[in-house]
Structures are given as C-alpha cells and as structure tokens.
N, C-alpha and C. Protein backbone atom coordinates (compact mmCIF):
# COMPACT_ATOMS: atom_id res chain seq x y z
N MET A 1 199.30 133.62 6.74
CA MET A 1 200.37 132.92 7.40
C MET A 1 201.54 132.82 6.42
N TRP A 2 202.73 133.12 6.89
CA TRP A 2 203.94 133.01 6.07
C TRP A 2 204.72 131.79 6.51
N VAL A 3 205.31 131.09 5.56
CA VAL A 3 206.10 129.91 5.86
C VAL A 3 207.37 129.96 5.04
N GLY A 4 208.52 129.63 5.65
CA GLY A 4 209.77 129.52 4.91
C GLY A 4 210.50 130.84 4.72
N VAL A 5 211.75 130.74 4.29
CA VAL A 5 212.56 131.91 4.00
C VAL A 5 213.38 131.66 2.75
N MET A 6 213.77 132.72 2.08
CA MET A 6 214.60 132.62 0.88
C MET A 6 216.07 132.60 1.31
N ALA A 7 216.88 131.77 0.69
CA ALA A 7 218.30 131.69 1.01
C ALA A 7 218.94 133.06 0.92
N GLY A 8 219.69 133.44 1.96
CA GLY A 8 220.37 134.72 1.96
C GLY A 8 219.48 135.88 2.37
N GLU A 9 218.21 135.66 2.57
CA GLU A 9 217.26 136.71 2.96
C GLU A 9 216.46 136.17 4.14
N ALA A 10 216.98 136.29 5.34
CA ALA A 10 216.38 135.67 6.51
C ALA A 10 214.92 136.09 6.73
N ARG A 11 214.55 137.29 6.33
CA ARG A 11 213.19 137.73 6.56
C ARG A 11 212.30 137.62 5.32
N GLN A 12 212.85 137.27 4.19
CA GLN A 12 212.08 137.21 2.95
C GLN A 12 211.38 135.86 2.84
N PRO A 13 210.06 135.82 2.86
CA PRO A 13 209.35 134.54 2.76
C PRO A 13 209.42 133.96 1.36
N THR A 14 209.31 132.63 1.29
CA THR A 14 209.25 131.98 0.00
C THR A 14 207.92 131.27 -0.20
N GLN A 15 207.10 131.27 0.82
CA GLN A 15 205.80 130.62 0.66
C GLN A 15 204.73 131.41 1.39
N LEU A 16 203.62 131.56 0.71
CA LEU A 16 202.43 132.18 1.27
C LEU A 16 201.38 131.10 1.40
N LEU A 17 200.80 130.98 2.57
CA LEU A 17 199.74 130.02 2.80
C LEU A 17 198.58 130.78 3.43
N ARG A 18 197.43 130.77 2.76
CA ARG A 18 196.31 131.59 3.23
C ARG A 18 195.01 130.84 3.04
N LYS A 19 194.23 130.74 4.11
CA LYS A 19 192.89 130.16 4.03
C LYS A 19 191.92 131.32 3.85
N VAL A 20 191.02 131.18 2.89
CA VAL A 20 190.01 132.21 2.64
C VAL A 20 188.64 131.60 2.88
N GLY A 21 187.77 132.38 3.50
CA GLY A 21 186.46 131.89 3.88
C GLY A 21 185.47 131.86 2.73
N CYS A 22 184.43 131.12 2.94
CA CYS A 22 183.36 130.98 1.95
C CYS A 22 182.80 132.34 1.57
N ALA A 23 182.78 132.62 0.29
CA ALA A 23 182.20 133.86 -0.27
C ALA A 23 182.83 135.13 0.28
N ASP A 24 184.03 135.05 0.84
CA ASP A 24 184.71 136.22 1.39
C ASP A 24 185.52 136.90 0.30
N LEU A 25 184.85 137.64 -0.57
CA LEU A 25 185.54 138.27 -1.69
C LEU A 25 186.50 139.37 -1.25
N THR A 26 186.41 139.82 0.02
CA THR A 26 187.40 140.78 0.52
C THR A 26 188.77 140.11 0.64
N ALA A 27 188.78 138.78 0.65
CA ALA A 27 190.05 138.06 0.73
C ALA A 27 190.86 138.18 -0.55
N VAL A 28 190.20 138.45 -1.67
CA VAL A 28 190.91 138.52 -2.96
C VAL A 28 191.98 139.62 -2.94
N PRO A 29 191.66 140.88 -2.61
CA PRO A 29 192.72 141.89 -2.56
C PRO A 29 193.72 141.64 -1.44
N GLU A 30 193.29 141.01 -0.34
CA GLU A 30 194.22 140.69 0.74
C GLU A 30 195.27 139.68 0.28
N VAL A 31 194.84 138.64 -0.43
CA VAL A 31 195.77 137.65 -0.96
C VAL A 31 196.69 138.30 -1.99
N ARG A 32 196.12 139.14 -2.85
CA ARG A 32 196.91 139.84 -3.87
C ARG A 32 197.99 140.70 -3.22
N HIS A 33 197.64 141.43 -2.16
CA HIS A 33 198.61 142.28 -1.46
C HIS A 33 199.72 141.44 -0.82
N ALA A 34 199.34 140.34 -0.17
CA ALA A 34 200.34 139.47 0.45
C ALA A 34 201.28 138.88 -0.60
N LEU A 35 200.73 138.50 -1.75
CA LEU A 35 201.55 137.96 -2.84
C LEU A 35 202.50 139.03 -3.36
N ARG A 36 202.00 140.25 -3.55
CA ARG A 36 202.84 141.35 -4.04
C ARG A 36 204.02 141.57 -3.08
N LYS A 37 203.73 141.56 -1.80
CA LYS A 37 204.79 141.76 -0.80
C LYS A 37 205.83 140.64 -0.88
N MET A 38 205.36 139.42 -1.05
CA MET A 38 206.28 138.28 -1.14
C MET A 38 207.13 138.35 -2.40
N LEU A 39 206.57 138.88 -3.49
CA LEU A 39 207.26 138.85 -4.79
C LEU A 39 208.07 140.11 -5.09
N ARG A 40 208.24 140.98 -4.12
CA ARG A 40 208.96 142.25 -4.36
C ARG A 40 210.27 142.08 -5.11
N LYS A 41 211.03 141.05 -4.78
CA LYS A 41 212.36 140.89 -5.38
C LYS A 41 212.43 139.70 -6.33
N TRP A 42 211.29 139.24 -6.80
CA TRP A 42 211.28 138.06 -7.67
C TRP A 42 210.85 138.44 -9.07
N GLY A 43 211.46 137.82 -10.04
CA GLY A 43 211.01 137.93 -11.43
C GLY A 43 211.38 139.23 -12.10
N GLY A 44 211.13 139.26 -13.38
CA GLY A 44 211.41 140.43 -14.19
C GLY A 44 210.26 141.42 -14.14
N PRO A 45 210.39 142.50 -14.91
CA PRO A 45 209.34 143.52 -14.94
C PRO A 45 207.99 142.92 -15.32
N GLY A 46 207.00 143.21 -14.53
CA GLY A 46 205.65 142.75 -14.82
C GLY A 46 205.32 141.36 -14.31
N ALA A 47 206.32 140.60 -13.87
CA ALA A 47 206.06 139.22 -13.43
C ALA A 47 205.11 139.18 -12.25
N SER A 48 205.31 140.07 -11.27
CA SER A 48 204.41 140.04 -10.12
C SER A 48 203.01 140.52 -10.50
N ASP A 49 202.90 141.42 -11.47
CA ASP A 49 201.58 141.86 -11.93
C ASP A 49 200.79 140.70 -12.52
N VAL A 50 201.45 139.89 -13.33
CA VAL A 50 200.78 138.72 -13.92
C VAL A 50 200.41 137.73 -12.82
N ALA A 51 201.32 137.52 -11.87
CA ALA A 51 201.04 136.59 -10.77
C ALA A 51 199.83 137.06 -9.96
N GLU A 52 199.76 138.35 -9.68
CA GLU A 52 198.63 138.90 -8.92
C GLU A 52 197.32 138.72 -9.69
N LEU A 53 197.34 139.01 -10.97
CA LEU A 53 196.14 138.88 -11.79
C LEU A 53 195.64 137.44 -11.80
N LEU A 54 196.53 136.50 -12.08
CA LEU A 54 196.12 135.11 -12.18
C LEU A 54 195.67 134.56 -10.83
N THR A 55 196.36 134.95 -9.76
CA THR A 55 195.95 134.53 -8.42
C THR A 55 194.57 135.06 -8.09
N SER A 56 194.33 136.33 -8.41
CA SER A 56 193.01 136.92 -8.17
C SER A 56 191.92 136.15 -8.90
N GLU A 57 192.19 135.76 -10.14
CA GLU A 57 191.20 135.02 -10.92
C GLU A 57 190.90 133.66 -10.28
N LEU A 58 191.94 132.94 -9.87
CA LEU A 58 191.71 131.61 -9.29
C LEU A 58 191.01 131.69 -7.94
N VAL A 59 191.40 132.65 -7.10
CA VAL A 59 190.76 132.80 -5.79
C VAL A 59 189.29 133.19 -5.98
N THR A 60 189.05 134.14 -6.86
CA THR A 60 187.66 134.56 -7.12
C THR A 60 186.83 133.39 -7.61
N ASN A 61 187.36 132.59 -8.54
CA ASN A 61 186.63 131.41 -9.03
C ASN A 61 186.28 130.47 -7.89
N ALA A 62 187.25 130.20 -7.02
CA ALA A 62 187.01 129.28 -5.91
C ALA A 62 185.93 129.81 -4.97
N LEU A 63 185.94 131.11 -4.73
CA LEU A 63 184.96 131.68 -3.80
C LEU A 63 183.57 131.82 -4.41
N ILE A 64 183.50 132.09 -5.69
CA ILE A 64 182.21 132.27 -6.35
C ILE A 64 181.55 130.93 -6.69
N HIS A 65 182.35 129.96 -7.10
CA HIS A 65 181.79 128.72 -7.63
C HIS A 65 181.73 127.57 -6.63
N THR A 66 182.06 127.82 -5.37
CA THR A 66 181.94 126.78 -4.36
C THR A 66 181.24 127.36 -3.13
N ASP A 67 180.73 126.48 -2.31
CA ASP A 67 180.09 126.91 -1.07
C ASP A 67 181.02 126.75 0.12
N HIS A 68 182.27 126.55 -0.15
CA HIS A 68 183.27 126.36 0.90
C HIS A 68 184.39 127.35 0.67
N GLY A 69 185.25 127.47 1.65
CA GLY A 69 186.42 128.32 1.48
C GLY A 69 187.45 127.64 0.61
N ALA A 70 188.61 128.24 0.57
CA ALA A 70 189.71 127.71 -0.24
C ALA A 70 191.01 127.96 0.50
N VAL A 71 192.04 127.26 0.07
CA VAL A 71 193.38 127.47 0.59
C VAL A 71 194.27 127.88 -0.57
N VAL A 72 194.98 128.99 -0.39
CA VAL A 72 195.88 129.52 -1.41
C VAL A 72 197.31 129.26 -0.94
N THR A 73 198.10 128.65 -1.79
CA THR A 73 199.52 128.43 -1.51
C THR A 73 200.32 128.99 -2.68
N ALA A 74 201.24 129.88 -2.37
CA ALA A 74 202.15 130.42 -3.39
C ALA A 74 203.56 130.10 -2.95
N THR A 75 204.31 129.45 -3.81
CA THR A 75 205.67 129.04 -3.49
C THR A 75 206.63 129.61 -4.52
N VAL A 76 207.66 130.30 -4.01
CA VAL A 76 208.68 130.90 -4.86
C VAL A 76 209.98 130.13 -4.69
N VAL A 77 210.55 129.74 -5.81
CA VAL A 77 211.93 129.28 -5.85
C VAL A 77 212.64 130.26 -6.76
N PRO A 78 213.96 130.29 -6.78
CA PRO A 78 214.63 131.35 -7.54
C PRO A 78 214.15 131.53 -8.97
N ASP A 79 213.78 130.47 -9.66
CA ASP A 79 213.44 130.60 -11.07
C ASP A 79 211.95 130.52 -11.39
N SER A 80 211.10 130.24 -10.40
CA SER A 80 209.68 130.11 -10.73
C SER A 80 208.78 130.36 -9.53
N LEU A 81 207.53 130.57 -9.85
CA LEU A 81 206.47 130.75 -8.86
C LEU A 81 205.39 129.74 -9.18
N ARG A 82 204.89 129.06 -8.16
CA ARG A 82 203.74 128.16 -8.32
C ARG A 82 202.67 128.62 -7.35
N VAL A 83 201.48 128.86 -7.87
CA VAL A 83 200.34 129.23 -7.05
C VAL A 83 199.30 128.13 -7.19
N GLU A 84 198.79 127.67 -6.04
CA GLU A 84 197.74 126.66 -6.01
C GLU A 84 196.56 127.20 -5.23
N VAL A 85 195.36 126.98 -5.74
CA VAL A 85 194.14 127.32 -5.02
C VAL A 85 193.33 126.04 -4.90
N ARG A 86 193.15 125.61 -3.65
CA ARG A 86 192.44 124.36 -3.40
C ARG A 86 191.06 124.65 -2.83
N ASP A 87 190.05 124.02 -3.42
CA ASP A 87 188.72 124.08 -2.83
C ASP A 87 188.41 122.71 -2.23
N PHE A 88 187.26 122.60 -1.59
CA PHE A 88 186.92 121.37 -0.87
C PHE A 88 185.55 120.85 -1.27
N VAL A 89 185.25 120.93 -2.56
CA VAL A 89 183.97 120.47 -3.09
C VAL A 89 184.19 119.15 -3.81
N SER A 90 183.50 118.12 -3.39
CA SER A 90 183.64 116.80 -4.00
C SER A 90 183.01 116.75 -5.39
N GLY A 91 183.62 115.96 -6.25
CA GLY A 91 183.02 115.64 -7.53
C GLY A 91 183.08 116.73 -8.58
N LEU A 92 183.74 117.81 -8.32
CA LEU A 92 183.84 118.86 -9.33
C LEU A 92 185.17 118.75 -10.05
N THR A 93 185.11 118.88 -11.34
CA THR A 93 186.34 118.98 -12.11
C THR A 93 186.22 120.22 -12.98
N ALA A 94 187.32 120.86 -13.21
CA ALA A 94 187.32 122.06 -14.05
C ALA A 94 187.90 121.69 -15.40
N PRO A 95 187.10 121.73 -16.45
CA PRO A 95 187.64 121.44 -17.77
C PRO A 95 188.53 122.56 -18.25
N PRO A 96 189.44 122.27 -19.14
CA PRO A 96 190.23 123.35 -19.71
C PRO A 96 189.30 124.33 -20.41
N PRO A 97 189.63 125.61 -20.36
CA PRO A 97 188.76 126.58 -21.02
C PRO A 97 188.82 126.43 -22.53
N PRO A 98 187.78 126.86 -23.20
CA PRO A 98 187.85 126.86 -24.66
C PRO A 98 188.90 127.86 -25.11
N PRO A 99 189.41 127.74 -26.34
CA PRO A 99 190.44 128.65 -26.80
C PRO A 99 190.00 130.11 -26.79
N HIS A 100 188.70 130.35 -26.96
CA HIS A 100 188.21 131.73 -27.00
C HIS A 100 186.81 131.76 -26.39
N VAL A 101 186.61 132.65 -25.43
CA VAL A 101 185.30 132.83 -24.82
C VAL A 101 184.87 134.25 -25.13
N PRO A 102 184.16 134.47 -26.23
CA PRO A 102 183.87 135.83 -26.65
C PRO A 102 182.90 136.58 -25.76
N THR A 103 181.87 135.92 -25.26
CA THR A 103 180.85 136.61 -24.47
C THR A 103 180.37 135.72 -23.34
N ALA A 104 181.21 135.54 -22.34
CA ALA A 104 180.91 134.61 -21.25
C ALA A 104 179.64 134.98 -20.50
N ASP A 105 179.43 136.26 -20.24
CA ASP A 105 178.20 136.67 -19.56
C ASP A 105 177.49 137.75 -20.36
N ALA A 106 177.65 137.68 -21.66
CA ALA A 106 177.12 138.73 -22.52
C ALA A 106 175.61 138.72 -22.55
N GLY A 107 175.06 139.87 -22.76
CA GLY A 107 173.62 140.02 -22.92
C GLY A 107 173.37 140.82 -24.18
N THR A 108 172.13 141.20 -24.37
CA THR A 108 171.82 142.04 -25.53
C THR A 108 171.27 143.36 -25.05
N HIS A 109 171.33 144.33 -25.90
CA HIS A 109 170.80 145.65 -25.59
C HIS A 109 169.32 145.75 -25.95
N GLY A 110 168.70 144.66 -26.31
CA GLY A 110 167.31 144.70 -26.74
C GLY A 110 167.18 144.86 -28.24
N ASP A 111 168.30 145.22 -28.88
CA ASP A 111 168.27 145.39 -30.33
C ASP A 111 168.98 144.24 -31.02
N GLY A 112 169.26 143.18 -30.25
CA GLY A 112 169.93 142.02 -30.81
C GLY A 112 171.44 142.15 -30.86
N VAL A 113 171.98 143.31 -30.49
CA VAL A 113 173.43 143.51 -30.49
C VAL A 113 173.96 143.02 -29.15
N ARG A 114 174.92 142.12 -29.21
CA ARG A 114 175.47 141.54 -27.99
C ARG A 114 176.51 142.46 -27.39
N GLU A 115 176.51 142.50 -26.06
CA GLU A 115 177.54 143.27 -25.37
C GLU A 115 178.53 142.29 -24.77
N GLU A 116 179.75 142.71 -24.68
CA GLU A 116 180.78 141.85 -24.12
C GLU A 116 180.59 141.73 -22.62
N GLY A 117 180.73 140.51 -22.10
CA GLY A 117 180.64 140.28 -20.67
C GLY A 117 181.97 140.57 -20.00
N THR A 118 181.92 140.69 -18.69
CA THR A 118 183.14 140.98 -17.94
C THR A 118 183.56 139.84 -17.04
N SER A 119 182.83 138.73 -17.03
CA SER A 119 183.24 137.59 -16.23
C SER A 119 183.33 136.36 -17.11
N GLY A 120 183.87 135.29 -16.54
CA GLY A 120 183.97 134.06 -17.30
C GLY A 120 185.26 133.92 -18.07
N ARG A 121 186.21 134.79 -17.81
CA ARG A 121 187.48 134.75 -18.55
C ARG A 121 188.68 134.35 -17.69
N GLY A 122 188.45 134.00 -16.44
CA GLY A 122 189.55 133.70 -15.53
C GLY A 122 190.49 132.62 -16.02
N LEU A 123 189.94 131.46 -16.38
CA LEU A 123 190.80 130.37 -16.84
C LEU A 123 191.38 130.64 -18.21
N VAL A 124 190.69 131.44 -19.01
CA VAL A 124 191.25 131.83 -20.30
C VAL A 124 192.50 132.68 -20.07
N LEU A 125 192.44 133.60 -19.10
CA LEU A 125 193.62 134.40 -18.76
C LEU A 125 194.75 133.53 -18.24
N VAL A 126 194.40 132.58 -17.36
CA VAL A 126 195.43 131.68 -16.82
C VAL A 126 196.09 130.92 -17.95
N GLN A 127 195.29 130.38 -18.86
CA GLN A 127 195.83 129.62 -19.99
C GLN A 127 196.74 130.50 -20.85
N ALA A 128 196.36 131.74 -21.06
CA ALA A 128 197.12 132.63 -21.95
C ALA A 128 198.40 133.15 -21.31
N LEU A 129 198.39 133.40 -20.00
CA LEU A 129 199.51 134.10 -19.38
C LEU A 129 200.45 133.22 -18.56
N ALA A 130 199.99 132.08 -18.08
CA ALA A 130 200.84 131.21 -17.27
C ALA A 130 201.78 130.41 -18.17
N ASP A 131 202.95 130.09 -17.64
CA ASP A 131 203.87 129.21 -18.37
C ASP A 131 203.36 127.78 -18.37
N SER A 132 202.68 127.39 -17.31
CA SER A 132 201.98 126.11 -17.25
C SER A 132 200.87 126.23 -16.22
N TRP A 133 199.86 125.37 -16.36
CA TRP A 133 198.76 125.39 -15.40
C TRP A 133 198.02 124.07 -15.50
N GLY A 134 197.18 123.80 -14.52
CA GLY A 134 196.41 122.58 -14.57
C GLY A 134 195.44 122.47 -13.41
N VAL A 135 194.75 121.34 -13.38
CA VAL A 135 193.78 121.03 -12.34
C VAL A 135 194.09 119.63 -11.84
N GLU A 136 194.15 119.47 -10.53
CA GLU A 136 194.40 118.16 -9.92
C GLU A 136 193.23 117.81 -9.03
N ASP A 137 192.65 116.62 -9.24
CA ASP A 137 191.55 116.14 -8.41
C ASP A 137 192.14 115.59 -7.12
N HIS A 138 191.55 115.98 -6.00
CA HIS A 138 192.01 115.49 -4.70
C HIS A 138 190.91 114.74 -3.96
N GLY A 139 189.98 114.14 -4.68
CA GLY A 139 188.89 113.41 -4.04
C GLY A 139 187.89 114.38 -3.44
N VAL A 140 188.24 114.94 -2.31
CA VAL A 140 187.42 116.00 -1.73
C VAL A 140 188.05 117.31 -2.18
N GLY A 141 187.56 117.81 -3.27
CA GLY A 141 188.07 119.07 -3.80
C GLY A 141 189.09 118.89 -4.90
N LYS A 142 189.58 120.03 -5.34
CA LYS A 142 190.57 120.05 -6.42
C LYS A 142 191.53 121.20 -6.18
N VAL A 143 192.65 121.13 -6.86
CA VAL A 143 193.63 122.21 -6.87
C VAL A 143 193.74 122.72 -8.29
N VAL A 144 193.54 124.01 -8.46
CA VAL A 144 193.82 124.66 -9.74
C VAL A 144 195.12 125.42 -9.51
N TRP A 145 196.10 125.22 -10.38
CA TRP A 145 197.42 125.80 -10.16
C TRP A 145 197.95 126.43 -11.44
N PHE A 146 198.93 127.31 -11.25
CA PHE A 146 199.68 127.84 -12.39
C PHE A 146 201.11 128.06 -11.96
N GLU A 147 202.00 128.10 -12.95
CA GLU A 147 203.41 128.40 -12.72
C GLU A 147 203.85 129.50 -13.66
N LEU A 148 204.71 130.36 -13.13
CA LEU A 148 205.35 131.41 -13.92
C LEU A 148 206.85 131.26 -13.77
N ASN A 149 207.56 131.37 -14.86
CA ASN A 149 209.02 131.35 -14.84
C ASN A 149 209.49 132.79 -14.90
N GLY A 150 209.82 133.34 -13.73
CA GLY A 150 210.12 134.77 -13.66
C GLY A 150 211.57 135.11 -13.53
N GLY A 151 212.46 134.15 -13.49
CA GLY A 151 213.87 134.46 -13.34
C GLY A 151 214.26 134.51 -11.89
N SER A 152 215.51 134.76 -11.64
CA SER A 152 216.07 134.77 -10.29
C SER A 152 215.64 136.01 -9.53
N ALA A 153 215.63 135.87 -8.22
CA ALA A 153 215.33 137.00 -7.35
C ALA A 153 216.44 138.03 -7.46
N ALA A 154 216.08 139.29 -7.37
CA ALA A 154 217.07 140.37 -7.43
C ALA A 154 217.88 140.39 -6.15
N ALA A 155 219.10 140.84 -6.27
CA ALA A 155 219.97 140.90 -5.10
C ALA A 155 219.63 142.08 -4.24
C-alpha cells in the first residue's frame, strides 16, 4: 500500500506501508523492491542500496524471531528516510547489538577451527550503516527503526 506524495511529484510516493505475514520470507524481496521504487530519486549514490539492505535485515529479523507478522513503514522527507518495522509480540525487547559479533552462528569443521556464520549480523549492520537507529517498546510489540540522511531528492 502506498500513502502520500512528494511535493512537486504528484505520482511519487513518500511513504510505503506494508503488512507482511508470519514467516512469509517471500515478503522480504517484495518490500525491498517497493522501497527501491520509492527511493528512485532520493539520496546520493548508494543510499537506496543501504536502505534496502537495512530494511531487509529488519524485516527478516521480525519474520524469523516472532510468530506474528510485521508492519513495515518507510517515510521519505527531502533530507532523510526513516524505516520502521513493527512486530506484535508482547514482552520482547531488542538489546543493542554488541560492538562485534564474530561468529553469530559459527560452527566447527570438526578440527576445532571455527567457521564464520552468515546470520546474526542484522542489527550490527544497522548500527554500522544507519545514521541513527533504535527500538521502541509499544506494549504489544516493538518498533525497530533506522534513519538515513540521504540528501534531497533529485529533480
């Protein structure tokens, strides 16, 4: 669902609102594609790539770590983007990630040598790449959000 328009661009949306179903990981690329379309004229080089990556991480976390769906809201103003992913699980809080997560899902090869894991780095990426981010408790559920300062939309 699209909501709002950008000043001077009657058809250009400024807000993406998307509900994703429980464990529907096919929603991750769909949300990423919708965000890419919305951000075509926003930010500098690479800004939409970072936004897509961080959004994918937050949506994936919400779908993997909860038994409920989530709501994704992305709002663009000329100088920034804010993405929020809200889940509906009571009593959960997300602590800030540690400064370094070397082997989040690492295992061993049987010889005691650890292999690097490929998951468990979502919030570390958000912390490293977002201009700001946080978690807000909403009683029933929480919102994990990030902001990027990407500059003005291109003419």
